[in-house]
Amino acid sequence: MQQYLNKIINGDSLEVLRKLPSNSVDAVITDPPYSSGGKTIAEKCQDPIMKYQQSGNKNAHHPTFLGDNKDSRSWLHWCNLWISECYRVLKPGGYFLMFTDWRQLPTASDALQIGEIAWRGVIAWDKTEGSRAPHKGYFRHQCEYIVWGTKGKCPKAEHAGPYPGCFRFPVKQSDKFNLTEKPTQLMEQLVSIVPEGHIILDPFAGSGTTLVAAKHMKRQFIGIEKDTGYAEIGLKRIAE
């Protein structure tokens, strides 16, 4: 296990997860590709830059990423594969937290339960009023969600808690290294569900924000990232 700790492993998440020992991590906190934006096949198959980057931020130049063009059924099947491995790798009572948006929220909750995680609720992330809306007649797409659960019984915490059911953090361009970046402050709150020194696993590490937050909060971590460019960004951020 020591060979994987406090590193980003550049590789396919499912392949790497299969190499990790069973009952070895305290929490899985991850932000997988949503395969969400767009109503038609053509729209879903667009480059994520076209789907997720707001029109006013075209000069941000965040790299694109792979694996975001699945339909709902294939996405559910894919989630079942890697969530089942996460279940095996989690210690009894370990936490599982997975980001999703409003489109995939029903499927994400199904995926959690199919993977044998005991589904315990939904946490809202309020991105604040800077969030986009197609026009004035729309409600803003202001929230994303975290479906969460545990491997078996949910343990009573002694180091902290109870934890908020809603977090309010804006997305800041100075803290954004990925098209779908989550704020570092948000991730620092989430990794704190386990005590210092415990192990956080992120199978879709992206630019490494979960891992940076874990390091800030004195938690150990294991990151997996398929894209070499993003893995390098994450490693640089951790080193800094």
C-alpha atoms as a PDB file:
ATOM      1  CA  MET A   1       0.000   0.000   0.000  1.00  0.00           C
ATOM      2  CA  GLN A   2       2.861   2.346   0.806  1.00  0.00           C
ATOM      3  CA  GLN A   3       3.894   2.506  -2.854  1.00  0.00           C
ATOM      4  CA  TYR A   4       0.600   4.236  -3.762  1.00  0.00           C
ATOM      5  CA  LEU A   5       0.377   6.779  -0.938  1.00  0.00           C
ATOM      6  CA  ASN A   6       0.545  10.530  -1.560  1.00  0.00           C
ATOM      7  CA  LYS A   7       0.970  10.123  -5.306  1.00  0.00           C
ATOM      8  CA  ILE A   8      -0.952  10.589  -8.539  1.00  0.00           C
ATOM      9  CA  ILE A   9      -0.900   7.388 -10.566  1.00  0.00           C
ATOM     10  CA  ASN A  10      -1.153   8.085 -14.306  1.00  0.00           C
ATOM     11  CA  GLY A  11      -3.397   5.341 -15.648  1.00  0.00           C
ATOM     12  CA  ASP A  12      -6.926   4.059 -16.203  1.00  0.00           C
ATOM     13  CA  SER A  13      -8.873   4.217 -12.948  1.00  0.00           C
ATOM     14  CA  LEU A  14     -10.418   0.767 -13.233  1.00  0.00           C
ATOM     15  CA  GLU A  15      -7.086  -0.905 -13.964  1.00  0.00           C
ATOM     16  CA  VAL A  16      -5.321   0.862 -11.099  1.00  0.00           C
ATOM     17  CA  LEU A  17      -8.174   0.287  -8.632  1.00  0.00           C
ATOM     18  CA  ARG A  18      -7.883  -3.448  -9.211  1.00  0.00           C
ATOM     19  CA  LYS A  19      -4.292  -3.306  -7.965  1.00  0.00           C
ATOM     20  CA  LEU A  20      -5.125  -1.604  -4.667  1.00  0.00           C
ATOM     21  CA  PRO A  21      -5.513  -3.839  -1.604  1.00  0.00           C
ATOM     22  CA  SER A  22      -8.960  -4.482  -0.159  1.00  0.00           C
ATOM     23  CA  ASN A  23     -10.111  -2.591   2.937  1.00  0.00           C
ATOM     24  CA  SER A  24      -7.275  -0.070   2.641  1.00  0.00           C
ATOM     25  CA  VAL A  25      -8.710   3.479   2.299  1.00  0.00           C
ATOM     26  CA  ASP A  26     -10.916   5.534   4.591  1.00  0.00           C
ATOM     27  CA  ALA A  27     -12.836   7.599   2.028  1.00  0.00           C
ATOM     28  CA  VAL A  28     -13.405   7.831  -1.714  1.00  0.00           C
ATOM     29  CA  ILE A  29     -14.073  11.432  -2.760  1.00  0.00           C
ATOM     30  CA  THR A  30     -14.254  11.909  -6.502  1.00  0.00           C
ATOM     31  CA  ASP A  31     -15.598  13.918  -9.427  1.00  0.00           C
ATOM     32  CA  PRO A  32     -15.974  11.522 -12.391  1.00  0.00           C
ATOM     33  CA  PRO A  33     -16.943  12.663 -15.904  1.00  0.00           C
ATOM     34  CA  TYR A  34     -20.685  13.377 -15.798  1.00  0.00           C
ATOM     35  CA  SER A  35     -21.424  12.490 -19.457  1.00  0.00           C
ATOM     36  CA  SER A  36     -24.178  14.996 -19.002  1.00  0.00           C
ATOM     37  CA  GLY A  37     -24.353  18.233 -20.992  1.00  0.00           C
ATOM     38  CA  GLY A  38     -26.543  18.113 -24.107  1.00  0.00           C
ATOM     39  CA  LYS A  39     -29.918  16.620 -24.962  1.00  0.00           C
ATOM     40  CA  THR A  40     -29.072  14.894 -28.239  1.00  0.00           C
ATOM     41  CA  ILE A  41     -26.330  12.410 -29.185  1.00  0.00           C
ATOM     42  CA  ALA A  42     -24.595  15.108 -31.211  1.00  0.00           C
ATOM     43  CA  GLU A  43     -24.622  17.495 -28.255  1.00  0.00           C
ATOM     44  CA  LYS A  44     -23.392  14.836 -25.818  1.00  0.00           C
ATOM     45  CA  CYS A  45     -20.517  13.960 -28.155  1.00  0.00           C
ATOM     46  CA  GLN A  46     -19.260  17.539 -28.262  1.00  0.00           C
ATOM     47  CA  ASP A  47     -15.869  18.353 -26.800  1.00  0.00           C
ATOM     48  CA  PRO A  48     -16.287  19.095 -23.055  1.00  0.00           C
ATOM     49  CA  ILE A  49     -14.892  22.582 -23.750  1.00  0.00           C
ATOM     50  CA  MET A  50     -18.046  23.294 -25.771  1.00  0.00           C
ATOM     51  CA  LYS A  51     -20.355  21.716 -23.196  1.00  0.00           C
ATOM     52  CA  TYR A  52     -19.027  23.080 -19.927  1.00  0.00           C
ATOM     53  CA  GLN A  53     -16.990  26.232 -20.492  1.00  0.00           C
ATOM     54  CA  GLN A  54     -19.051  29.389 -20.135  1.00  0.00           C
ATOM     55  CA  SER A  55     -18.981  31.706 -23.122  1.00  0.00           C
ATOM     56  CA  GLY A  56     -17.377  34.488 -21.104  1.00  0.00           C
ATOM     57  CA  ASN A  57     -14.408  32.309 -20.159  1.00  0.00           C
ATOM     58  CA  LYS A  58     -13.154  31.281 -23.602  1.00  0.00           C
ATOM     59  CA  ASN A  59      -9.720  32.631 -22.795  1.00  0.00           C
ATOM     60  CA  ALA A  60      -9.257  30.327 -19.789  1.00  0.00           C
ATOM     61  CA  HIS A  61      -7.654  27.635 -22.023  1.00  0.00           C
ATOM     62  CA  HIS A  62      -8.293  24.700 -19.706  1.00  0.00           C
ATOM     63  CA  PRO A  63      -7.406  21.380 -21.371  1.00  0.00           C
ATOM     64  CA  THR A  64     -10.252  19.102 -22.400  1.00  0.00           C
ATOM     65  CA  PHE A  65     -10.743  15.598 -20.963  1.00  0.00           C
ATOM     66  CA  LEU A  66     -11.900  12.153 -22.115  1.00  0.00           C
ATOM     67  CA  GLY A  67     -14.802   9.877 -21.199  1.00  0.00           C
ATOM     68  CA  ASP A  68     -17.649  12.389 -21.218  1.00  0.00           C
ATOM     69  CA  ASN A  69     -19.755  11.104 -24.141  1.00  0.00           C
ATOM     70  CA  LYS A  70     -21.555   8.076 -22.698  1.00  0.00           C
ATOM     71  CA  ASP A  71     -25.324   7.738 -22.774  1.00  0.00           C
ATOM     72  CA  SER A  72     -27.158   7.183 -19.474  1.00  0.00           C
ATOM     73  CA  ARG A  73     -27.150   3.371 -19.632  1.00  0.00           C
ATOM     74  CA  SER A  74     -23.491   2.985 -20.548  1.00  0.00           C
ATOM     75  CA  TRP A  75     -22.556   5.596 -17.940  1.00  0.00           C
ATOM     76  CA  LEU A  76     -24.441   3.615 -15.289  1.00  0.00           C
ATOM     77  CA  HIS A  77     -22.692   0.396 -16.329  1.00  0.00           C
ATOM     78  CA  TRP A  78     -19.295   2.101 -16.272  1.00  0.00           C
ATOM     79  CA  CYS A  79     -19.990   3.575 -12.833  1.00  0.00           C
ATOM     80  CA  ASN A  80     -20.950   0.142 -11.552  1.00  0.00           C
ATOM     81  CA  LEU A  81     -17.539  -1.216 -12.586  1.00  0.00           C
ATOM     82  CA  TRP A  82     -15.420   1.344 -10.772  1.00  0.00           C
ATOM     83  CA  ILE A  83     -17.736   1.878  -7.787  1.00  0.00           C
ATOM     84  CA  SER A  84     -17.669  -1.867  -7.119  1.00  0.00           C
ATOM     85  CA  GLU A  85     -13.877  -1.688  -6.968  1.00  0.00           C
ATOM     86  CA  CYS A  86     -14.083   1.327  -4.658  1.00  0.00           C
ATOM     87  CA  TYR A  87     -16.384  -0.669  -2.383  1.00  0.00           C
ATOM     88  CA  ARG A  88     -13.774  -3.425  -2.196  1.00  0.00           C
ATOM     89  CA  VAL A  89     -10.946  -0.967  -1.489  1.00  0.00           C
ATOM     90  CA  LEU A  90     -12.857   0.954   1.196  1.00  0.00           C
ATOM     91  CA  LYS A  91     -12.487  -0.028   4.830  1.00  0.00           C
ATOM     92  CA  PRO A  92     -15.704  -1.076   6.608  1.00  0.00           C
ATOM     93  CA  GLY A  93     -17.572   2.113   7.455  1.00  0.00           C
ATOM     94  CA  GLY A  94     -15.585   4.078   4.871  1.00  0.00           C
ATOM     95  CA  TYR A  95     -17.171   7.052   3.115  1.00  0.00           C
ATOM     96  CA  PHE A  96     -18.029   7.305  -0.588  1.00  0.00           C
ATOM     97  CA  LEU A  97     -18.698  10.793  -2.031  1.00  0.00           C
ATOM     98  CA  MET A  98     -19.362  11.307  -5.738  1.00  0.00           C
ATOM     99  CA  PHE A  99     -20.097  14.588  -7.529  1.00  0.00           C
ATOM    100  CA  THR A 100     -22.864  14.798 -10.109  1.00  0.00           C
ATOM    101  CA  ASP A 101     -25.182  17.367 -11.671  1.00  0.00           C
ATOM    102  CA  TRP A 102     -28.970  17.595 -11.841  1.00  0.00           C
ATOM    103  CA  ARG A 103     -29.188  15.591 -15.077  1.00  0.00           C
ATOM    104  CA  GLN A 104     -27.307  12.569 -13.745  1.00  0.00           C
ATOM    105  CA  LEU A 105     -28.431  12.764 -10.117  1.00  0.00           C
ATOM    106  CA  PRO A 106     -31.054   9.969 -10.407  1.00  0.00           C
ATOM    107  CA  THR A 107     -28.612   7.680 -12.257  1.00  0.00           C
ATOM    108  CA  ALA A 108     -25.781   8.497  -9.844  1.00  0.00           C
ATOM    109  CA  SER A 109     -27.897   7.459  -6.860  1.00  0.00           C
ATOM    110  CA  ASP A 110     -28.713   4.196  -8.653  1.00  0.00           C
ATOM    111  CA  ALA A 111     -25.032   3.616  -9.420  1.00  0.00           C
ATOM    112  CA  LEU A 112     -24.136   4.065  -5.766  1.00  0.00           C
ATOM    113  CA  GLN A 113     -26.603   1.431  -4.633  1.00  0.00           C
ATOM    114  CA  ILE A 114     -25.813  -1.020  -7.436  1.00  0.00           C
ATOM    115  CA  GLY A 115     -22.189  -0.815  -6.262  1.00  0.00           C
ATOM    116  CA  GLU A 116     -23.373  -1.927  -2.768  1.00  0.00           C
ATOM    117  CA  ILE A 117     -22.675   1.429  -1.129  1.00  0.00           C
ATOM    118  CA  ALA A 118     -25.293   2.246   1.523  1.00  0.00           C
ATOM    119  CA  TRP A 119     -26.756   5.452   0.066  1.00  0.00           C
ATOM    120  CA  ARG A 120     -27.225   7.990   2.847  1.00  0.00           C
ATOM    121  CA  GLY A 121     -28.141  11.238   1.153  1.00  0.00           C
ATOM    122  CA  VAL A 122     -27.377  14.105  -1.189  1.00  0.00           C
ATOM    123  CA  ILE A 123     -25.184  17.111  -0.370  1.00  0.00           C
ATOM    124  CA  ALA A 124     -25.714  20.335  -2.323  1.00  0.00           C
ATOM    125  CA  TRP A 125     -22.861  22.509  -3.533  1.00  0.00           C
ATOM    126  CA  ASP A 126     -24.183  26.052  -4.074  1.00  0.00           C
ATOM    127  CA  LYS A 127     -21.953  27.705  -6.692  1.00  0.00           C
ATOM    128  CA  THR A 128     -23.537  31.099  -5.848  1.00  0.00           C
ATOM    129  CA  GLU A 129     -25.304  33.599  -8.090  1.00  0.00           C
ATOM    130  CA  GLY A 130     -22.463  33.707 -10.597  1.00  0.00           C
ATOM    131  CA  SER A 131     -23.813  30.456 -12.034  1.00  0.00           C
ATOM    132  CA  ARG A 132     -25.192  30.528 -15.535  1.00  0.00           C
ATOM    133  CA  ALA A 133     -28.740  30.471 -16.839  1.00  0.00           C
ATOM    134  CA  PRO A 134     -29.623  30.209 -20.564  1.00  0.00           C
ATOM    135  CA  HIS A 135     -31.880  33.285 -20.364  1.00  0.00           C
ATOM    136  CA  LYS A 136     -33.920  35.353 -17.910  1.00  0.00           C
ATOM    137  CA  GLY A 137     -36.794  32.891 -17.837  1.00  0.00           C
ATOM    138  CA  TYR A 138     -34.614  30.150 -16.355  1.00  0.00           C
ATOM    139  CA  PHE A 139     -33.712  29.262 -12.800  1.00  0.00           C
ATOM    140  CA  ARG A 140     -29.922  29.349 -12.508  1.00  0.00           C
ATOM    141  CA  HIS A 141     -27.992  26.090 -12.687  1.00  0.00           C
ATOM    142  CA  GLN A 142     -26.647  27.114  -9.313  1.00  0.00           C
ATOM    143  CA  CYS A 143     -26.086  23.769  -7.598  1.00  0.00           C
ATOM    144  CA  GLU A 144     -24.223  20.579  -8.208  1.00  0.00           C
ATOM    145  CA  TYR A 145     -24.630  17.597  -5.937  1.00  0.00           C
ATOM    146  CA  ILE A 146     -22.694  14.958  -4.040  1.00  0.00           C
ATOM    147  CA  VAL A 147     -24.327  11.573  -3.574  1.00  0.00           C
ATOM    148  CA  TRP A 148     -22.822   9.992  -0.507  1.00  0.00           C
ATOM    149  CA  GLY A 149     -22.882   6.783   1.418  1.00  0.00           C
ATOM    150  CA  THR A 150     -20.801   4.345   3.404  1.00  0.00           C
ATOM    151  CA  LYS A 151     -19.513   0.814   3.193  1.00  0.00           C
ATOM    152  CA  GLY A 152     -21.889  -0.649   5.725  1.00  0.00           C
ATOM    153  CA  LYS A 153     -22.624   1.144   8.985  1.00  0.00           C
ATOM    154  CA  CYS A 154     -21.894   4.864   9.225  1.00  0.00           C
ATOM    155  CA  PRO A 155     -19.438   5.316  12.105  1.00  0.00           C
ATOM    156  CA  LYS A 156     -19.794   7.980  14.777  1.00  0.00           C
ATOM    157  CA  ALA A 157     -17.028  10.564  14.415  1.00  0.00           C
ATOM    158  CA  GLU A 158     -15.043  11.872  17.364  1.00  0.00           C
ATOM    159  CA  HIS A 159     -12.777  14.338  15.537  1.00  0.00           C
ATOM    160  CA  ALA A 160     -15.535  16.491  13.956  1.00  0.00           C
ATOM    161  CA  GLY A 161     -19.166  16.651  12.824  1.00  0.00           C
ATOM    162  CA  PRO A 162     -22.006  16.653  12.212  1.00  0.00           C
ATOM    163  CA  TYR A 163     -21.119  17.894   8.736  1.00  0.00           C
ATOM    164  CA  PRO A 164     -23.037  20.455   6.647  1.00  0.00           C
ATOM    165  CA  GLY A 165     -25.592  19.196   4.150  1.00  0.00           C
ATOM    166  CA  CYS A 166     -24.952  22.176   1.887  1.00  0.00           C
ATOM    167  CA  PHE A 167     -21.766  24.074   1.010  1.00  0.00           C
ATOM    168  CA  ARG A 168     -21.614  27.537  -0.575  1.00  0.00           C
ATOM    169  CA  PHE A 169     -18.395  28.271  -2.455  1.00  0.00           C
ATOM    170  CA  PRO A 170     -18.018  30.156  -5.745  1.00  0.00           C
ATOM    171  CA  VAL A 171     -15.780  28.983  -8.571  1.00  0.00           C
ATOM    172  CA  LYS A 172     -12.812  31.343  -8.808  1.00  0.00           C
ATOM    173  CA  GLN A 173     -10.719  31.502 -11.974  1.00  0.00           C
ATOM    174  CA  SER A 174      -7.557  31.803  -9.862  1.00  0.00           C
ATOM    175  CA  ASP A 175      -8.410  28.419  -8.322  1.00  0.00           C
ATOM    176  CA  LYS A 176      -9.450  26.733 -11.555  1.00  0.00           C
ATOM    177  CA  PHE A 177      -7.142  24.340 -13.417  1.00  0.00           C
ATOM    178  CA  ASN A 178      -9.807  22.151 -15.037  1.00  0.00           C
ATOM    179  CA  LEU A 179     -12.989  22.733 -17.072  1.00  0.00           C
ATOM    180  CA  THR A 180     -15.104  21.302 -14.240  1.00  0.00           C
ATOM    181  CA  GLU A 181     -12.934  22.313 -11.277  1.00  0.00           C
ATOM    182  CA  LYS A 182     -14.272  22.194  -7.729  1.00  0.00           C
ATOM    183  CA  PRO A 183     -13.083  24.898  -5.275  1.00  0.00           C
ATOM    184  CA  THR A 184     -10.166  23.900  -3.068  1.00  0.00           C
ATOM    185  CA  GLN A 185     -12.032  25.245  -0.014  1.00  0.00           C
ATOM    186  CA  LEU A 186     -14.946  22.930  -0.757  1.00  0.00           C
ATOM    187  CA  MET A 187     -12.671  19.927  -1.063  1.00  0.00           C
ATOM    188  CA  GLU A 188     -10.909  20.835   2.194  1.00  0.00           C
ATOM    189  CA  GLN A 189     -14.295  20.622   3.911  1.00  0.00           C
ATOM    190  CA  LEU A 190     -15.042  17.250   2.336  1.00  0.00           C
ATOM    191  CA  VAL A 191     -11.721  15.556   3.096  1.00  0.00           C
ATOM    192  CA  SER A 192     -12.170  16.568   6.737  1.00  0.00           C
ATOM    193  CA  ILE A 193     -14.838  13.911   7.219  1.00  0.00           C
ATOM    194  CA  VAL A 194     -12.004  11.545   8.177  1.00  0.00           C
ATOM    195  CA  PRO A 195      -9.352  12.278  10.850  1.00  0.00           C
ATOM    196  CA  GLU A 196      -5.847  13.535  10.111  1.00  0.00           C
ATOM    197  CA  GLY A 197      -3.543  10.888   8.691  1.00  0.00           C
ATOM    198  CA  HIS A 198      -6.388   8.864   7.165  1.00  0.00           C
ATOM    199  CA  ILE A 199      -6.377   7.983   3.459  1.00  0.00           C
ATOM    200  CA  ILE A 200      -8.484   9.718   0.778  1.00  0.00           C
ATOM    201  CA  LEU A 201      -8.791   8.013  -2.634  1.00  0.00           C
ATOM    202  CA  ASP A 202      -9.730   9.955  -5.778  1.00  0.00           C
ATOM    203  CA  PRO A 203      -9.995   7.670  -8.846  1.00  0.00           C
ATOM    204  CA  PHE A 204     -10.569  10.688 -11.162  1.00  0.00           C
ATOM    205  CA  ALA A 205      -8.034  13.140  -9.801  1.00  0.00           C
ATOM    206  CA  GLY A 206      -8.067  15.586 -12.719  1.00  0.00           C
ATOM    207  CA  SER A 207      -5.851  18.533 -11.823  1.00  0.00           C
ATOM    208  CA  GLY A 208      -5.473  17.253  -8.264  1.00  0.00           C
ATOM    209  CA  THR A 209      -7.721  19.526  -6.197  1.00  0.00           C
ATOM    210  CA  THR A 210      -8.922  16.752  -3.869  1.00  0.00           C
ATOM    211  CA  LEU A 211      -5.315  15.729  -3.275  1.00  0.00           C
ATOM    212  CA  VAL A 212      -4.146  19.306  -2.702  1.00  0.00           C
ATOM    213  CA  ALA A 213      -6.970  19.706  -0.160  1.00  0.00           C
ATOM    214  CA  ALA A 214      -5.985  16.443   1.535  1.00  0.00           C
ATOM    215  CA  LYS A 215      -2.396  17.620   1.855  1.00  0.00           C
ATOM    216  CA  HIS A 216      -3.520  20.997   3.252  1.00  0.00           C
ATOM    217  CA  MET A 217      -5.674  19.221   5.837  1.00  0.00           C
ATOM    218  CA  LYS A 218      -2.992  16.660   6.786  1.00  0.00           C
ATOM    219  CA  ARG A 219      -4.745  13.665   5.254  1.00  0.00           C
ATOM    220  CA  GLN A 220      -2.967  11.079   3.130  1.00  0.00           C
ATOM    221  CA  PHE A 221      -4.149  10.503  -0.420  1.00  0.00           C
ATOM    222  CA  ILE A 222      -4.076   8.320  -3.517  1.00  0.00           C
ATOM    223  CA  GLY A 223      -4.922   9.909  -6.866  1.00  0.00           C
ATOM    224  CA  ILE A 224      -5.555   8.207 -10.203  1.00  0.00           C
ATOM    225  CA  GLU A 225      -5.689  10.209 -13.443  1.00  0.00           C
ATOM    226  CA  LYS A 226      -5.821   8.857 -16.985  1.00  0.00           C
ATOM    227  CA  ASP A 227      -4.825  12.071 -18.777  1.00  0.00           C
ATOM    228  CA  THR A 228      -1.059  12.618 -18.608  1.00  0.00           C
ATOM    229  CA  GLY A 229      -1.362  16.402 -18.920  1.00  0.00           C
ATOM    230  CA  TYR A 230      -3.742  16.709 -15.996  1.00  0.00           C
ATOM    231  CA  ALA A 231      -1.682  14.265 -13.919  1.00  0.00           C
ATOM    232  CA  GLU A 232       1.336  16.528 -14.443  1.00  0.00           C
ATOM    233  CA  ILE A 233      -0.685  19.609 -13.424  1.00  0.00           C
ATOM    234  CA  GLY A 234      -1.801  17.796 -10.277  1.00  0.00           C
ATOM    235  CA  LEU A 235       1.712  16.704  -9.361  1.00  0.00           C
ATOM    236  CA  LYS A 236       2.973  20.256  -9.788  1.00  0.00           C
ATOM    237  CA  ARG A 237       0.213  21.660  -7.583  1.00  0.00           C
ATOM    238  CA  ILE A 238       0.908  19.103  -4.856  1.00  0.00           C
ATOM    239  CA  ALA A 239       4.623  19.871  -4.953  1.00  0.00           C
ATOM    240  CA  GLU A 240       3.949  23.592  -4.623  1.00  0.00           C
END
